[in-house]
Amino acid sequence: MIRKALTRGHDDPKLNSRIMVYTLCQAFSISPSEVYNLPLDLFMDMLNIHLVMKELESEEMQKMNKQR
């Protein structure tokens, strides 16, 4: 079920929120309790920052692969 949620999305809000918490914990090396104590707007901003950084990394990797 988790693999499906990560690859295709899922309708379970509880599972989706846990995936988001896990993502922030991994990205910023913080504990789940710290994530749960974040204000919602900061939580969402941090998720968006992480997303944009991953997109930029991916674009740079693609550029490097094309140059080879």
N, C-alpha and C. Protein backbone atom coordinates (compact mmCIF):
# COMPACT_ATOMS: atom_id res chain seq x y z
N MET A 1 0.82 -1.20 0.00
CA MET A 1 0.00 0.00 0.00
C MET A 1 0.87 1.26 0.00
N ILE A 2 1.97 1.25 0.76
CA ILE A 2 2.83 2.43 0.80
C ILE A 2 3.51 2.65 -0.54
N ARG A 3 3.97 1.57 -1.15
CA ARG A 3 4.60 1.71 -2.48
C ARG A 3 3.62 2.32 -3.47
N LYS A 4 2.38 1.84 -3.44
CA LYS A 4 1.34 2.37 -4.35
C LYS A 4 1.10 3.85 -4.06
N ALA A 5 1.02 4.22 -2.79
CA ALA A 5 0.79 5.61 -2.43
C ALA A 5 1.94 6.50 -2.91
N LEU A 6 3.16 5.99 -2.82
CA LEU A 6 4.32 6.78 -3.25
C LEU A 6 4.43 6.91 -4.76
N THR A 7 3.99 5.90 -5.48
CA THR A 7 4.13 5.94 -6.94
C THR A 7 2.90 6.48 -7.66
N ARG A 8 1.71 6.22 -7.11
CA ARG A 8 0.48 6.60 -7.81
C ARG A 8 -0.43 7.51 -7.02
N GLY A 9 -0.08 7.80 -5.79
CA GLY A 9 -0.96 8.60 -4.94
C GLY A 9 -1.96 7.72 -4.21
N HIS A 10 -2.57 8.28 -3.21
CA HIS A 10 -3.50 7.52 -2.40
C HIS A 10 -4.56 8.46 -1.84
N ASP A 11 -5.73 7.92 -1.56
CA ASP A 11 -6.84 8.74 -1.06
C ASP A 11 -6.87 8.85 0.46
N ASP A 12 -6.02 8.10 1.16
CA ASP A 12 -6.03 8.09 2.63
C ASP A 12 -5.27 9.30 3.17
N PRO A 13 -5.97 10.28 3.75
CA PRO A 13 -5.29 11.48 4.24
C PRO A 13 -4.27 11.19 5.35
N LYS A 14 -4.56 10.19 6.17
CA LYS A 14 -3.62 9.83 7.23
C LYS A 14 -2.29 9.33 6.66
N LEU A 15 -2.37 8.45 5.67
CA LEU A 15 -1.16 7.94 5.03
C LEU A 15 -0.43 9.06 4.29
N ASN A 16 -1.17 9.90 3.59
CA ASN A 16 -0.54 11.02 2.89
C ASN A 16 0.18 11.96 3.84
N SER A 17 -0.41 12.24 4.99
CA SER A 17 0.24 13.14 5.96
C SER A 17 1.49 12.49 6.54
N ARG A 18 1.46 11.18 6.76
CA ARG A 18 2.64 10.49 7.27
C ARG A 18 3.77 10.48 6.25
N ILE A 19 3.42 10.35 4.99
CA ILE A 19 4.44 10.42 3.94
C ILE A 19 5.07 11.82 3.91
N MET A 20 4.25 12.85 4.07
CA MET A 20 4.79 14.22 4.09
C MET A 20 5.69 14.43 5.32
N VAL A 21 5.28 13.91 6.47
CA VAL A 21 6.10 14.04 7.68
C VAL A 21 7.42 13.31 7.47
N TYR A 22 7.37 12.11 6.93
CA TYR A 22 8.59 11.35 6.66
C TYR A 22 9.52 12.13 5.72
N THR A 23 8.94 12.71 4.69
CA THR A 23 9.73 13.48 3.72
C THR A 23 10.46 14.63 4.40
N LEU A 24 9.75 15.39 5.24
CA LEU A 24 10.40 16.50 5.95
C LEU A 24 11.47 16.01 6.91
N CYS A 25 11.19 14.93 7.60
CA CYS A 25 12.17 14.39 8.55
C CYS A 25 13.46 14.02 7.82
N GLN A 26 13.33 13.36 6.69
CA GLN A 26 14.49 12.96 5.91
C GLN A 26 15.20 14.15 5.29
N ALA A 27 14.45 15.06 4.75
CA ALA A 27 15.04 16.20 4.04
C ALA A 27 15.80 17.15 4.97
N PHE A 28 15.26 17.37 6.16
CA PHE A 28 15.84 18.36 7.05
C PHE A 28 16.45 17.77 8.32
N SER A 29 16.53 16.44 8.37
CA SER A 29 17.11 15.74 9.52
C SER A 29 16.52 16.21 10.85
N ILE A 30 15.20 16.18 10.90
CA ILE A 30 14.51 16.55 12.13
C ILE A 30 13.59 15.40 12.54
N SER A 31 13.17 15.41 13.78
CA SER A 31 12.33 14.32 14.29
C SER A 31 10.86 14.56 13.92
N PRO A 32 10.08 13.48 13.91
CA PRO A 32 8.65 13.64 13.64
C PRO A 32 7.97 14.58 14.63
N SER A 33 8.37 14.55 15.89
CA SER A 33 7.74 15.45 16.86
C SER A 33 8.01 16.91 16.51
N GLU A 34 9.19 17.20 15.97
CA GLU A 34 9.48 18.57 15.54
C GLU A 34 8.59 18.96 14.37
N VAL A 35 8.39 18.04 13.45
CA VAL A 35 7.54 18.32 12.30
C VAL A 35 6.11 18.58 12.75
N TYR A 36 5.61 17.76 13.67
CA TYR A 36 4.23 17.94 14.14
C TYR A 36 4.04 19.25 14.89
N ASN A 37 5.12 19.82 15.41
CA ASN A 37 5.02 21.10 16.12
C ASN A 37 5.18 22.32 15.22
N LEU A 38 5.45 22.10 13.94
CA LEU A 38 5.60 23.22 13.01
C LEU A 38 4.23 23.83 12.69
N PRO A 39 4.18 25.13 12.52
CA PRO A 39 2.95 25.74 11.99
C PRO A 39 2.70 25.21 10.57
N LEU A 40 1.46 25.08 10.21
CA LEU A 40 1.10 24.51 8.92
C LEU A 40 1.74 25.25 7.75
N ASP A 41 1.77 26.58 7.79
CA ASP A 41 2.34 27.32 6.66
C ASP A 41 3.84 27.06 6.53
N LEU A 42 4.55 26.93 7.64
CA LEU A 42 5.98 26.60 7.58
C LEU A 42 6.17 25.18 7.07
N PHE A 43 5.34 24.26 7.53
CA PHE A 43 5.37 22.87 7.08
C PHE A 43 5.25 22.81 5.56
N MET A 44 4.25 23.50 5.02
CA MET A 44 4.02 23.49 3.57
C MET A 44 5.14 24.19 2.81
N ASP A 45 5.65 25.29 3.36
CA ASP A 45 6.77 25.98 2.73
C ASP A 45 7.99 25.07 2.65
N MET A 46 8.27 24.36 3.72
CA MET A 46 9.43 23.46 3.74
C MET A 46 9.26 22.32 2.74
N LEU A 47 8.05 21.80 2.63
CA LEU A 47 7.79 20.76 1.63
C LEU A 47 8.01 21.30 0.22
N ASN A 48 7.53 22.50 -0.04
CA ASN A 48 7.71 23.10 -1.37
C ASN A 48 9.18 23.39 -1.66
N ILE A 49 9.92 23.85 -0.66
CA ILE A 49 11.36 24.07 -0.84
C ILE A 49 12.04 22.76 -1.20
N HIS A 50 11.72 21.72 -0.48
CA HIS A 50 12.31 20.41 -0.75
C HIS A 50 11.97 19.94 -2.16
N LEU A 51 10.72 20.11 -2.57
CA LEU A 51 10.30 19.71 -3.90
C LEU A 51 11.08 20.46 -4.98
N VAL A 52 11.19 21.76 -4.84
CA VAL A 52 11.91 22.56 -5.84
C VAL A 52 13.38 22.16 -5.88
N MET A 53 13.98 21.93 -4.74
CA MET A 53 15.39 21.52 -4.71
C MET A 53 15.57 20.18 -5.43
N LYS A 54 14.68 19.24 -5.20
CA LYS A 54 14.76 17.94 -5.88
C LYS A 54 14.56 18.09 -7.38
N GLU A 55 13.67 18.96 -7.78
CA GLU A 55 13.46 19.21 -9.21
C GLU A 55 14.71 19.80 -9.84
N LEU A 56 15.34 20.76 -9.16
CA LEU A 56 16.56 21.37 -9.68
C LEU A 56 17.69 20.35 -9.77
N GLU A 57 17.82 19.50 -8.76
CA GLU A 57 18.83 18.44 -8.79
C GLU A 57 18.60 17.52 -9.99
N SER A 58 17.35 17.16 -10.21
CA SER A 58 17.02 16.28 -11.32
C SER A 58 17.35 16.92 -12.66
N GLU A 59 17.03 18.20 -12.81
CA GLU A 59 17.35 18.92 -14.05
C GLU A 59 18.85 18.96 -14.28
N GLU A 60 19.62 19.21 -13.24
CA GLU A 60 21.07 19.26 -13.38
C GLU A 60 21.64 17.89 -13.76
N MET A 61 21.09 16.83 -13.16
CA MET A 61 21.54 15.49 -13.50
C MET A 61 21.24 15.16 -14.96
N GLN A 62 20.06 15.59 -15.43
CA GLN A 62 19.70 15.35 -16.82
C GLN A 62 20.63 16.11 -17.75
N LYS A 63 20.99 17.34 -17.41
CA LYS A 63 21.92 18.12 -18.23
C LYS A 63 23.28 17.43 -18.29
N MET A 64 23.74 16.94 -17.15
CA MET A 64 25.03 16.27 -17.12
C MET A 64 25.02 14.99 -17.94
N ASN A 65 23.92 14.26 -17.90
CA ASN A 65 23.82 13.01 -18.67
C ASN A 65 23.77 13.30 -20.17
N LYS A 66 23.16 14.40 -20.58
CA LYS A 66 23.10 14.76 -21.99
C LYS A 66 24.47 15.17 -22.52
N GLN A 67 25.29 15.74 -21.67
CA GLN A 67 26.61 16.20 -22.08
C GLN A 67 27.58 15.05 -22.31
N ARG A 68 27.27 13.90 -21.76
CA ARG A 68 28.17 12.74 -21.91
C ARG A 68 28.01 12.11 -23.22
